Amino acid sequence: YYVATLILPQMSMAALSLLTYYMNPTIGERLGFGVTLVLAVIATDIVASDLRPVCKEQLLIDAISRLCFFFCVFALFETGVVLFVYHLDVEDFHDLFPRRCRGRMCKKRDN
């Protein structure tokens, strides 16, 4: 019963979070898919909290829930970084730094 109602949905959402690594950065739904998975993991955890036994010990179900949440959040963070870098419009690596730092870095590089 607990496997079908608590563990299987969490594990399937963690497995679905791996799909974001294979999506093209030009697809606009990549970020939305990651956010939806994180919200679905949180909603599943809230709904399943009534089914869990109340005790002071750390349960395997809690560890699985946290691990699945971590996978989904990490995939969402990675998606944000990939989309930022993909849509970045710079011609040189030094354009990433603020103007004040660029002058100092170029002086060090020329010496």
PDB file of N, CA and C in Angstrom:
ATOM      1  N   TYR A   1       0.821  -1.203   0.000  1.00  0.00           N
ATOM      2  CA  TYR A   1       0.000   0.000   0.000  1.00  0.00           C
ATOM      3  C   TYR A   1       0.860   1.260   0.000  1.00  0.00           C
ATOM      4  N   TYR A   2       1.857   1.310   0.900  1.00  0.00           N
ATOM      5  CA  TYR A   2       2.705   2.503   0.979  1.00  0.00           C
ATOM      6  C   TYR A   2       3.563   2.677  -0.270  1.00  0.00           C
ATOM      7  N   VAL A   3       3.959   1.567  -0.861  1.00  0.00           N
ATOM      8  CA  VAL A   3       4.770   1.662  -2.079  1.00  0.00           C
ATOM      9  C   VAL A   3       3.954   2.295  -3.197  1.00  0.00           C
ATOM     10  N   ALA A   4       2.728   1.881  -3.356  1.00  0.00           N
ATOM     11  CA  ALA A   4       1.893   2.388  -4.451  1.00  0.00           C
ATOM     12  C   ALA A   4       1.429   3.822  -4.215  1.00  0.00           C
ATOM     13  N   THR A   5       1.227   4.221  -2.974  1.00  0.00           N
ATOM     14  CA  THR A   5       0.677   5.557  -2.713  1.00  0.00           C
ATOM     15  C   THR A   5       1.732   6.600  -2.368  1.00  0.00           C
ATOM     16  N   LEU A   6       2.885   6.178  -1.866  1.00  0.00           N
ATOM     17  CA  LEU A   6       3.885   7.160  -1.450  1.00  0.00           C
ATOM     18  C   LEU A   6       5.187   7.092  -2.246  1.00  0.00           C
ATOM     19  N   ILE A   7       5.739   5.909  -2.363  1.00  0.00           N
ATOM     20  CA  ILE A   7       7.077   5.789  -2.952  1.00  0.00           C
ATOM     21  C   ILE A   7       7.034   5.856  -4.470  1.00  0.00           C
ATOM     22  N   LEU A   8       6.133   5.150  -5.091  1.00  0.00           N
ATOM     23  CA  LEU A   8       6.082   5.111  -6.552  1.00  0.00           C
ATOM     24  C   LEU A   8       5.828   6.477  -7.200  1.00  0.00           C
ATOM     25  N   PRO A   9       4.888   7.284  -6.708  1.00  0.00           N
ATOM     26  CA  PRO A   9       4.717   8.614  -7.323  1.00  0.00           C
ATOM     27  C   PRO A   9       5.944   9.512  -7.157  1.00  0.00           C
ATOM     28  N   GLN A  10       6.581   9.456  -5.996  1.00  0.00           N
ATOM     29  CA  GLN A  10       7.767  10.275  -5.775  1.00  0.00           C
ATOM     30  C   GLN A  10       8.916   9.850  -6.687  1.00  0.00           C
ATOM     31  N   MET A  11       9.132   8.544  -6.796  1.00  0.00           N
ATOM     32  CA  MET A  11      10.215   8.039  -7.641  1.00  0.00           C
ATOM     33  C   MET A  11       9.954   8.320  -9.124  1.00  0.00           C
ATOM     34  N   SER A  12       8.702   8.246  -9.536  1.00  0.00           N
ATOM     35  CA  SER A  12       8.396   8.524 -10.940  1.00  0.00           C
ATOM     36  C   SER A  12       8.617   9.997 -11.264  1.00  0.00           C
ATOM     37  N   MET A  13       8.312  10.895 -10.331  1.00  0.00           N
ATOM     38  CA  MET A  13       8.564  12.314 -10.586  1.00  0.00           C
ATOM     39  C   MET A  13      10.061  12.619 -10.592  1.00  0.00           C
ATOM     40  N   ALA A  14      10.832  11.925  -9.755  1.00  0.00           N
ATOM     41  CA  ALA A  14      12.287  12.108  -9.787  1.00  0.00           C
ATOM     42  C   ALA A  14      12.852  11.595 -11.108  1.00  0.00           C
ATOM     43  N   ALA A  15      12.304  10.497 -11.612  1.00  0.00           N
ATOM     44  CA  ALA A  15      12.758   9.981 -12.909  1.00  0.00           C
ATOM     45  C   ALA A  15      12.351  10.924 -14.038  1.00  0.00           C
ATOM     46  N   LEU A  16      11.174  11.515 -13.935  1.00  0.00           N
ATOM     47  CA  LEU A  16      10.744  12.475 -14.955  1.00  0.00           C
ATOM     48  C   LEU A  16      11.593  13.741 -14.953  1.00  0.00           C
ATOM     49  N   SER A  17      12.188  14.065 -13.803  1.00  0.00           N
ATOM     50  CA  SER A  17      13.038  15.263 -13.764  1.00  0.00           C
ATOM     51  C   SER A  17      14.282  15.090 -14.629  1.00  0.00           C
ATOM     52  N   LEU A  18      14.655  13.861 -14.939  1.00  0.00           N
ATOM     53  CA  LEU A  18      15.794  13.622 -15.819  1.00  0.00           C
ATOM     54  C   LEU A  18      15.484  14.013 -17.259  1.00  0.00           C
ATOM     55  N   LEU A  19      14.219  14.119 -17.611  1.00  0.00           N
ATOM     56  CA  LEU A  19      13.852  14.521 -18.973  1.00  0.00           C
ATOM     57  C   LEU A  19      14.291  15.946 -19.302  1.00  0.00           C
ATOM     58  N   THR A  20      14.422  16.785 -18.292  1.00  0.00           N
ATOM     59  CA  THR A  20      14.824  18.160 -18.559  1.00  0.00           C
ATOM     60  C   THR A  20      16.238  18.237 -19.135  1.00  0.00           C
ATOM     61  N   TYR A  21      17.068  17.236 -18.846  1.00  0.00           N
ATOM     62  CA  TYR A  21      18.427  17.230 -19.392  1.00  0.00           C
ATOM     63  C   TYR A  21      18.433  16.962 -20.894  1.00  0.00           C
ATOM     64  N   TYR A  22      17.395  16.348 -21.402  1.00  0.00           N
ATOM     65  CA  TYR A  22      17.328  15.989 -22.810  1.00  0.00           C
ATOM     66  C   TYR A  22      16.481  16.948 -23.637  1.00  0.00           C
ATOM     67  N   MET A  23      15.857  17.928 -22.988  1.00  0.00           N
ATOM     68  CA  MET A  23      15.053  18.897 -23.718  1.00  0.00           C
ATOM     69  C   MET A  23      15.938  19.966 -24.344  1.00  0.00           C
ATOM     70  N   ASN A  24      15.547  20.431 -25.483  1.00  0.00           N
ATOM     71  CA  ASN A  24      16.265  21.470 -26.196  1.00  0.00           C
ATOM     72  C   ASN A  24      16.108  22.798 -25.449  1.00  0.00           C
ATOM     73  N   PRO A  25      17.181  23.587 -25.298  1.00  0.00           N
ATOM     74  CA  PRO A  25      17.052  24.872 -24.595  1.00  0.00           C
ATOM     75  C   PRO A  25      16.126  25.869 -25.290  1.00  0.00           C
ATOM     76  N   THR A  26      15.840  25.675 -26.567  1.00  0.00           N
ATOM     77  CA  THR A  26      14.942  26.607 -27.250  1.00  0.00           C
ATOM     78  C   THR A  26      13.485  26.349 -26.899  1.00  0.00           C
ATOM     79  N   ILE A  27      13.202  25.213 -26.301  1.00  0.00           N
ATOM     80  CA  ILE A  27      11.826  24.896 -25.899  1.00  0.00           C
ATOM     81  C   ILE A  27      11.485  25.710 -24.651  1.00  0.00           C
ATOM     82  N   GLY A  28      10.417  26.451 -24.707  1.00  0.00           N
ATOM     83  CA  GLY A  28      10.030  27.285 -23.583  1.00  0.00           C
ATOM     84  C   GLY A  28       9.457  26.522 -22.411  1.00  0.00           C
ATOM     85  N   GLU A  29       9.026  25.307 -22.629  1.00  0.00           N
ATOM     86  CA  GLU A  29       8.392  24.531 -21.571  1.00  0.00           C
ATOM     87  C   GLU A  29       9.395  23.828 -20.667  1.00  0.00           C
ATOM     88  N   ARG A  30      10.672  23.956 -20.945  1.00  0.00           N
ATOM     89  CA  ARG A  30      11.679  23.254 -20.145  1.00  0.00           C
ATOM     90  C   ARG A  30      11.664  23.734 -18.696  1.00  0.00           C
ATOM     91  N   LEU A  31      11.641  25.023 -18.494  1.00  0.00           N
ATOM     92  CA  LEU A  31      11.615  25.582 -17.146  1.00  0.00           C
ATOM     93  C   LEU A  31      10.268  25.318 -16.468  1.00  0.00           C
ATOM     94  N   GLY A  32       9.189  25.454 -17.216  1.00  0.00           N
ATOM     95  CA  GLY A  32       7.865  25.189 -16.663  1.00  0.00           C
ATOM     96  C   GLY A  32       7.684  23.747 -16.243  1.00  0.00           C
ATOM     97  N   PHE A  33       8.275  22.827 -17.000  1.00  0.00           N
ATOM     98  CA  PHE A  33       8.210  21.410 -16.659  1.00  0.00           C
ATOM     99  C   PHE A  33       8.924  21.148 -15.339  1.00  0.00           C
ATOM    100  N   GLY A  34      10.082  21.773 -15.132  1.00  0.00           N
ATOM    101  CA  GLY A  34      10.823  21.596 -13.886  1.00  0.00           C
ATOM    102  C   GLY A  34      10.077  22.157 -12.689  1.00  0.00           C
ATOM    103  N   VAL A  35       9.483  23.327 -12.852  1.00  0.00           N
ATOM    104  CA  VAL A  35       8.712  23.931 -11.760  1.00  0.00           C
ATOM    105  C   VAL A  35       7.496  23.071 -11.428  1.00  0.00           C
ATOM    106  N   THR A  36       6.845  22.545 -12.460  1.00  0.00           N
ATOM    107  CA  THR A  36       5.682  21.686 -12.235  1.00  0.00           C
ATOM    108  C   THR A  36       6.059  20.420 -11.473  1.00  0.00           C
ATOM    109  N   LEU A  37       7.214  19.853 -11.778  1.00  0.00           N
ATOM    110  CA  LEU A  37       7.654  18.658 -11.058  1.00  0.00           C
ATOM    111  C   LEU A  37       7.949  18.961  -9.592  1.00  0.00           C
ATOM    112  N   VAL A  38       8.586  20.087  -9.326  1.00  0.00           N
ATOM    113  CA  VAL A  38       8.870  20.449  -7.937  1.00  0.00           C
ATOM    114  C   VAL A  38       7.566  20.646  -7.166  1.00  0.00           C
ATOM    115  N   LEU A  39       6.614  21.336  -7.775  1.00  0.00           N
ATOM    116  CA  LEU A  39       5.321  21.535  -7.113  1.00  0.00           C
ATOM    117  C   LEU A  39       4.565  20.231  -6.932  1.00  0.00           C
ATOM    118  N   ALA A  40       4.680  19.325  -7.894  1.00  0.00           N
ATOM    119  CA  ALA A  40       4.007  18.028  -7.773  1.00  0.00           C
ATOM    120  C   ALA A  40       4.616  17.188  -6.652  1.00  0.00           C
ATOM    121  N   VAL A  41       5.924  17.254  -6.484  1.00  0.00           N
ATOM    122  CA  VAL A  41       6.567  16.521  -5.385  1.00  0.00           C
ATOM    123  C   VAL A  41       6.117  17.085  -4.046  1.00  0.00           C
ATOM    124  N   ILE A  42       6.043  18.405  -3.949  1.00  0.00           N
ATOM    125  CA  ILE A  42       5.582  19.029  -2.703  1.00  0.00           C
ATOM    126  C   ILE A  42       4.125  18.672  -2.429  1.00  0.00           C
ATOM    127  N   ALA A  43       3.278  18.713  -3.451  1.00  0.00           N
ATOM    128  CA  ALA A  43       1.859  18.376  -3.265  1.00  0.00           C
ATOM    129  C   ALA A  43       1.697  16.912  -2.870  1.00  0.00           C
ATOM    130  N   THR A  44       2.462  16.024  -3.472  1.00  0.00           N
ATOM    131  CA  THR A  44       2.391  14.607  -3.107  1.00  0.00           C
ATOM    132  C   THR A  44       2.834  14.407  -1.671  1.00  0.00           C
ATOM    133  N   ASP A  45       3.850  15.141  -1.255  1.00  0.00           N
ATOM    134  CA  ASP A  45       4.326  15.035   0.125  1.00  0.00           C
ATOM    135  C   ASP A  45       3.280  15.537   1.116  1.00  0.00           C
ATOM    136  N   ILE A  46       2.587  16.608   0.770  1.00  0.00           N
ATOM    137  CA  ILE A  46       1.547  17.144   1.656  1.00  0.00           C
ATOM    138  C   ILE A  46       0.373  16.178   1.768  1.00  0.00           C
ATOM    139  N   VAL A  47      -0.043  15.647   0.635  1.00  0.00           N
ATOM    140  CA  VAL A  47      -1.174  14.707   0.650  1.00  0.00           C
ATOM    141  C   VAL A  47      -0.801  13.431   1.394  1.00  0.00           C
ATOM    142  N   ALA A  48       0.430  12.979   1.215  1.00  0.00           N
ATOM    143  CA  ALA A  48       0.860  11.726   1.834  1.00  0.00           C
ATOM    144  C   ALA A  48       1.185  11.872   3.316  1.00  0.00           C
ATOM    145  N   SER A  49       1.245  13.084   3.819  1.00  0.00           N
ATOM    146  CA  SER A  49       1.587  13.262   5.236  1.00  0.00           C
ATOM    147  C   SER A  49       0.540  12.662   6.164  1.00  0.00           C
ATOM    148  N   ASP A  50      -0.706  12.570   5.712  1.00  0.00           N
ATOM    149  CA  ASP A  50      -1.740  11.934   6.526  1.00  0.00           C
ATOM    150  C   ASP A  50      -1.571  10.421   6.580  1.00  0.00           C
ATOM    151  N   LEU A  51      -0.941   9.851   5.580  1.00  0.00           N
ATOM    152  CA  LEU A  51      -0.772   8.402   5.530  1.00  0.00           C
ATOM    153  C   LEU A  51       0.451   7.910   6.292  1.00  0.00           C
ATOM    154  N   ARG A  52       1.362   8.796   6.606  1.00  0.00           N
ATOM    155  CA  ARG A  52       2.585   8.406   7.304  1.00  0.00           C
ATOM    156  C   ARG A  52       2.327   8.253   8.795  1.00  0.00           C
ATOM    157  N   PRO A  53       3.004   7.298   9.395  1.00  0.00           N
ATOM    158  CA  PRO A  53       2.890   7.182  10.853  1.00  0.00           C
ATOM    159  C   PRO A  53       3.649   8.314  11.544  1.00  0.00           C
ATOM    160  N   VAL A  54       3.139   8.746  12.668  1.00  0.00           N
ATOM    161  CA  VAL A  54       3.772   9.813  13.429  1.00  0.00           C
ATOM    162  C   VAL A  54       4.720   9.180  14.435  1.00  0.00           C
ATOM    163  N   CYS A  55       6.004   9.460  14.286  1.00  0.00           N
ATOM    164  CA  CYS A  55       7.005   8.933  15.210  1.00  0.00           C
ATOM    165  C   CYS A  55       8.235   9.828  15.173  1.00  0.00           C
ATOM    166  N   LYS A  56       9.135   9.623  16.127  1.00  0.00           N
ATOM    167  CA  LYS A  56      10.333  10.448  16.211  1.00  0.00           C
ATOM    168  C   LYS A  56      11.456   9.921  15.325  1.00  0.00           C
ATOM    169  N   GLU A  57      11.384   8.677  14.922  1.00  0.00           N
ATOM    170  CA  GLU A  57      12.441   8.088  14.108  1.00  0.00           C
ATOM    171  C   GLU A  57      12.372   8.599  12.674  1.00  0.00           C
ATOM    172  N   GLN A  58      13.520   8.554  12.029  1.00  0.00           N
ATOM    173  CA  GLN A  58      13.600   8.906  10.614  1.00  0.00           C
ATOM    174  C   GLN A  58      13.083   7.724   9.787  1.00  0.00           C
ATOM    175  N   LEU A  59      12.064   7.957   8.983  1.00  0.00           N
ATOM    176  CA  LEU A  59      11.476   6.898   8.170  1.00  0.00           C
ATOM    177  C   LEU A  59      12.090   6.865   6.778  1.00  0.00           C
ATOM    178  N   LEU A  60      12.066   5.695   6.180  1.00  0.00           N
ATOM    179  CA  LEU A  60      12.571   5.540   4.819  1.00  0.00           C
ATOM    180  C   LEU A  60      11.735   6.364   3.841  1.00  0.00           C
ATOM    181  N   ILE A  61      10.461   6.477   4.103  1.00  0.00           N
ATOM    182  CA  ILE A  61       9.576   7.248   3.238  1.00  0.00           C
ATOM    183  C   ILE A  61       9.981   8.728   3.226  1.00  0.00           C
ATOM    184  N   ASP A  62      10.372   9.249   4.394  1.00  0.00           N
ATOM    185  CA  ASP A  62      10.824  10.641   4.467  1.00  0.00           C
ATOM    186  C   ASP A  62      12.125  10.846   3.703  1.00  0.00           C
ATOM    187  N   ALA A  63      13.039   9.893   3.817  1.00  0.00           N
ATOM    188  CA  ALA A  63      14.311   9.999   3.100  1.00  0.00           C
ATOM    189  C   ALA A  63      14.095   9.943   1.588  1.00  0.00           C
ATOM    190  N   ILE A  64      13.214   9.072   1.132  1.00  0.00           N
ATOM    191  CA  ILE A  64      12.909   8.979  -0.301  1.00  0.00           C
ATOM    192  C   ILE A  64      12.260  10.262  -0.787  1.00  0.00           C
ATOM    193  N   SER A  65      11.375  10.813   0.005  1.00  0.00           N
ATOM    194  CA  SER A  65      10.707  12.058  -0.372  1.00  0.00           C
ATOM    195  C   SER A  65      11.707  13.201  -0.499  1.00  0.00           C
ATOM    196  N   ARG A  66      12.631  13.314   0.450  1.00  0.00           N
ATOM    197  CA  ARG A  66      13.646  14.364   0.376  1.00  0.00           C
ATOM    198  C   ARG A  66      14.579  14.172  -0.810  1.00  0.00           C
ATOM    199  N   LEU A  67      14.945  12.926  -1.070  1.00  0.00           N
ATOM    200  CA  LEU A  67      15.833  12.639  -2.190  1.00  0.00           C
ATOM    201  C   LEU A  67      15.170  12.982  -3.522  1.00  0.00           C
ATOM    202  N   CYS A  68      13.909  12.637  -3.673  1.00  0.00           N
ATOM    203  CA  CYS A  68      13.182  12.973  -4.904  1.00  0.00           C
ATOM    204  C   CYS A  68      13.029  14.476  -5.058  1.00  0.00           C
ATOM    205  N   PHE A  69      12.776  15.175  -3.970  1.00  0.00           N
ATOM    206  CA  PHE A  69      12.688  16.634  -4.013  1.00  0.00           C
ATOM    207  C   PHE A  69      14.027  17.234  -4.424  1.00  0.00           C
ATOM    208  N   PHE A  70      15.134  16.686  -3.883  1.00  0.00           N
ATOM    209  CA  PHE A  70      16.458  17.174  -4.247  1.00  0.00           C
ATOM    210  C   PHE A  70      16.732  16.981  -5.735  1.00  0.00           C
ATOM    211  N   PHE A  71      16.372  15.812  -6.286  1.00  0.00           N
ATOM    212  CA  PHE A  71      16.581  15.565  -7.701  1.00  0.00           C
ATOM    213  C   PHE A  71      15.813  16.576  -8.556  1.00  0.00           C
ATOM    214  N   CYS A  72      14.573  16.832  -8.197  1.00  0.00           N
ATOM    215  CA  CYS A  72      13.757  17.768  -8.978  1.00  0.00           C
ATOM    216  C   CYS A  72      14.280  19.196  -8.865  1.00  0.00           C
ATOM    217  N   VAL A  73      14.702  19.603  -7.682  1.00  0.00           N
ATOM    218  CA  VAL A  73      15.221  20.967  -7.499  1.00  0.00           C
ATOM    219  C   VAL A  73      16.554  21.118  -8.220  1.00  0.00           C
ATOM    220  N   PHE A  74      17.408  20.098  -8.169  1.00  0.00           N
ATOM    221  CA  PHE A  74      18.688  20.176  -8.871  1.00  0.00           C
ATOM    222  C   PHE A  74      18.476  20.261 -10.379  1.00  0.00           C
ATOM    223  N   ALA A  75      17.526  19.481 -10.908  1.00  0.00           N
ATOM    224  CA  ALA A  75      17.232  19.545 -12.341  1.00  0.00           C
ATOM    225  C   ALA A  75      16.687  20.924 -12.713  1.00  0.00           C
ATOM    226  N   LEU A  76      15.886  21.514 -11.849  1.00  0.00           N
ATOM    227  CA  LEU A  76      15.366  22.858 -12.102  1.00  0.00           C
ATOM    228  C   LEU A  76      16.489  23.891 -12.066  1.00  0.00           C
ATOM    229  N   PHE A  77      17.400  23.781 -11.112  1.00  0.00           N
ATOM    230  CA  PHE A  77      18.541  24.697 -11.032  1.00  0.00           C
ATOM    231  C   PHE A  77      19.423  24.571 -12.270  1.00  0.00           C
ATOM    232  N   GLU A  78      19.688  23.352 -12.676  1.00  0.00           N
ATOM    233  CA  GLU A  78      20.506  23.121 -13.863  1.00  0.00           C
ATOM    234  C   GLU A  78      19.837  23.689 -15.104  1.00  0.00           C
ATOM    235  N   THR A  79      18.539  23.557 -15.195  1.00  0.00           N
ATOM    236  CA  THR A  79      17.795  24.114 -16.318  1.00  0.00           C
ATOM    237  C   THR A  79      17.917  25.631 -16.347  1.00  0.00           C
ATOM    238  N   GLY A  80      17.818  26.259 -15.187  1.00  0.00           N
ATOM    239  CA  GLY A  80      17.985  27.713 -15.121  1.00  0.00           C
ATOM    240  C   GLY A  80      19.366  28.153 -15.569  1.00  0.00           C
ATOM    241  N   VAL A  81      20.391  27.441 -15.150  1.00  0.00           N
ATOM    242  CA  VAL A  81      21.760  27.784 -15.553  1.00  0.00           C
ATOM    243  C   VAL A  81      21.944  27.584 -17.053  1.00  0.00           C
ATOM    244  N   VAL A  82      21.435  26.462 -17.572  1.00  0.00           N
ATOM    245  CA  VAL A  82      21.580  26.191 -19.009  1.00  0.00           C
ATOM    246  C   VAL A  82      20.849  27.241 -19.832  1.00  0.00           C
ATOM    247  N   LEU A  83      19.653  27.606 -19.438  1.00  0.00           N
ATOM    248  CA  LEU A  83      18.907  28.618 -20.185  1.00  0.00           C
ATOM    249  C   LEU A  83      19.588  29.988 -20.113  1.00  0.00           C
ATOM    250  N   PHE A  84      20.178  30.311 -18.959  1.00  0.00           N
ATOM    251  CA  PHE A  84      20.900  31.575 -18.830  1.00  0.00           C
ATOM    252  C   PHE A  84      22.107  31.609 -19.766  1.00  0.00           C
ATOM    253  N   VAL A  85      22.882  30.552 -19.771  1.00  0.00           N
ATOM    254  CA  VAL A  85      24.075  30.510 -20.608  1.00  0.00           C
ATOM    255  C   VAL A  85      23.698  30.437 -22.087  1.00  0.00           C
ATOM    256  N   TYR A  86      22.644  29.708 -22.405  1.00  0.00           N
ATOM    257  CA  TYR A  86      22.229  29.566 -23.798  1.00  0.00           C
ATOM    258  C   TYR A  86      21.781  30.900 -24.395  1.00  0.00           C
ATOM    259  N   HIS A  87      21.074  31.684 -23.619  1.00  0.00           N
ATOM    260  CA  HIS A  87      20.546  32.954 -24.125  1.00  0.00           C
ATOM    261  C   HIS A  87      21.473  34.133 -23.839  1.00  0.00           C
ATOM    262  N   LEU A  88      22.649  33.863 -23.319  1.00  0.00           N
ATOM    263  CA  LEU A  88      23.620  34.910 -23.039  1.00  0.00           C
ATOM    264  C   LEU A  88      24.214  35.409 -24.342  1.00  0.00           C
ATOM    265  N   ASP A  89      24.289  36.722 -24.481  1.00  0.00           N
ATOM    266  CA  ASP A  89      24.794  37.304 -25.716  1.00  0.00           C
ATOM    267  C   ASP A  89      26.082  38.070 -25.428  1.00  0.00           C
ATOM    268  N   VAL A  90      27.192  37.325 -25.369  1.00  0.00           N
ATOM    269  CA  VAL A  90      28.504  37.939 -25.165  1.00  0.00           C
ATOM    270  C   VAL A  90      29.445  37.427 -26.244  1.00  0.00           C
ATOM    271  N   GLU A  91      30.401  38.252 -26.576  1.00  0.00           N
ATOM    272  CA  GLU A  91      31.352  37.848 -27.594  1.00  0.00           C
ATOM    273  C   GLU A  91      32.661  37.359 -26.999  1.00  0.00           C
ATOM    274  N   ASP A  92      32.951  37.758 -25.764  1.00  0.00           N
ATOM    275  CA  ASP A  92      34.191  37.371 -25.113  1.00  0.00           C
ATOM    276  C   ASP A  92      33.891  36.984 -23.674  1.00  0.00           C
ATOM    277  N   PHE A  93      34.726  36.171 -23.099  1.00  0.00           N
ATOM    278  CA  PHE A  93      34.555  35.728 -21.718  1.00  0.00           C
ATOM    279  C   PHE A  93      34.595  36.909 -20.745  1.00  0.00           C
ATOM    280  N   HIS A  94      35.386  37.923 -21.054  1.00  0.00           N
ATOM    281  CA  HIS A  94      35.531  39.072 -20.159  1.00  0.00           C
ATOM    282  C   HIS A  94      34.292  39.962 -20.157  1.00  0.00           C
ATOM    283  N   ASP A  95      33.393  39.791 -21.105  1.00  0.00           N
ATOM    284  CA  ASP A  95      32.147  40.557 -21.106  1.00  0.00           C
ATOM    285  C   ASP A  95      31.195  40.111 -20.002  1.00  0.00           C
ATOM    286  N   LEU A  96      31.470  38.977 -19.390  1.00  0.00           N
ATOM    287  CA  LEU A  96      30.628  38.492 -18.300  1.00  0.00           C
ATOM    288  C   LEU A  96      30.834  39.286 -17.011  1.00  0.00           C
ATOM    289  N   PHE A  97      31.994  39.914 -16.874  1.00  0.00           N
ATOM    290  CA  PHE A  97      32.326  40.636 -15.656  1.00  0.00           C
ATOM    291  C   PHE A  97      31.843  42.077 -15.725  1.00  0.00           C
ATOM    292  N   PRO A  98      31.614  42.720 -14.580  1.00  0.00           N
ATOM    293  CA  PRO A  98      31.243  44.143 -14.591  1.00  0.00           C
ATOM    294  C   PRO A  98      32.355  44.985 -15.196  1.00  0.00           C
ATOM    295  N   ARG A  99      32.011  46.193 -15.629  1.00  0.00           N
ATOM    296  CA  ARG A  99      32.974  47.054 -16.325  1.00  0.00           C
ATOM    297  C   ARG A  99      34.180  47.389 -15.453  1.00  0.00           C
ATOM    298  N   ARG A 100      33.956  47.600 -14.159  1.00  0.00           N
ATOM    299  CA  ARG A 100      35.073  47.932 -13.267  1.00  0.00           C
ATOM    300  C   ARG A 100      36.091  46.793 -13.205  1.00  0.00           C
ATOM    301  N   CYS A 101      35.601  45.587 -13.188  1.00  0.00           N
ATOM    302  CA  CYS A 101      36.485  44.431 -13.105  1.00  0.00           C
ATOM    303  C   CYS A 101      37.161  44.140 -14.434  1.00  0.00           C
ATOM    304  N   ARG A 102      36.516  44.477 -15.521  1.00  0.00           N
ATOM    305  CA  ARG A 102      37.093  44.204 -16.843  1.00  0.00           C
ATOM    306  C   ARG A 102      38.409  44.939 -17.037  1.00  0.00           C
ATOM    307  N   GLY A 103      38.457  46.182 -16.646  1.00  0.00           N
ATOM    308  CA  GLY A 103      39.683  46.954 -16.803  1.00  0.00           C
ATOM    309  C   GLY A 103      40.827  46.376 -16.009  1.00  0.00           C
ATOM    310  N   ARG A 104      40.554  45.946 -14.796  1.00  0.00           N
ATOM    311  CA  ARG A 104      41.589  45.355 -13.957  1.00  0.00           C
ATOM    312  C   ARG A 104      42.053  44.019 -14.513  1.00  0.00           C
ATOM    313  N   MET A 105      41.133  43.237 -15.019  1.00  0.00           N
ATOM    314  CA  MET A 105      41.508  41.932 -15.550  1.00  0.00           C
ATOM    315  C   MET A 105      42.312  42.079 -16.832  1.00  0.00           C
ATOM    316  N   CYS A 106      41.946  43.029 -17.670  1.00  0.00           N
ATOM    317  CA  CYS A 106      42.680  43.219 -18.925  1.00  0.00           C
ATOM    318  C   CYS A 106      44.092  43.724 -18.654  1.00  0.00           C
ATOM    319  N   LYS A 107      44.254  44.583 -17.637  1.00  0.00           N
ATOM    320  CA  LYS A 107      45.581  45.069 -17.295  1.00  0.00           C
ATOM    321  C   LYS A 107      46.473  43.939 -16.810  1.00  0.00           C
ATOM    322  N   LYS A 108      45.901  43.041 -15.987  1.00  0.00           N
ATOM    323  CA  LYS A 108      46.678  41.897 -15.498  1.00  0.00           C
ATOM    324  C   LYS A 108      47.023  40.956 -16.636  1.00  0.00           C
ATOM    325  N   ARG A 109      46.116  40.801 -17.564  1.00  0.00           N
ATOM    326  CA  ARG A 109      46.330  39.880 -18.671  1.00  0.00           C
ATOM    327  C   ARG A 109      47.395  40.423 -19.632  1.00  0.00           C
ATOM    328  N   ASP A 110      47.446  41.755 -19.826  1.00  0.00           N
ATOM    329  CA  ASP A 110      48.414  42.346 -20.738  1.00  0.00           C
ATOM    330  C   ASP A 110      49.823  42.319 -20.178  1.00  0.00           C
ATOM    331  N   ASN A 111      49.972  42.313 -18.844  1.00  0.00           N
ATOM    332  CA  ASN A 111      51.310  42.340 -18.240  1.00  0.00           C
ATOM    333  C   ASN A 111      52.029  41.063 -18.399  1.00  0.00           C
TER     334      ASN A 111
END
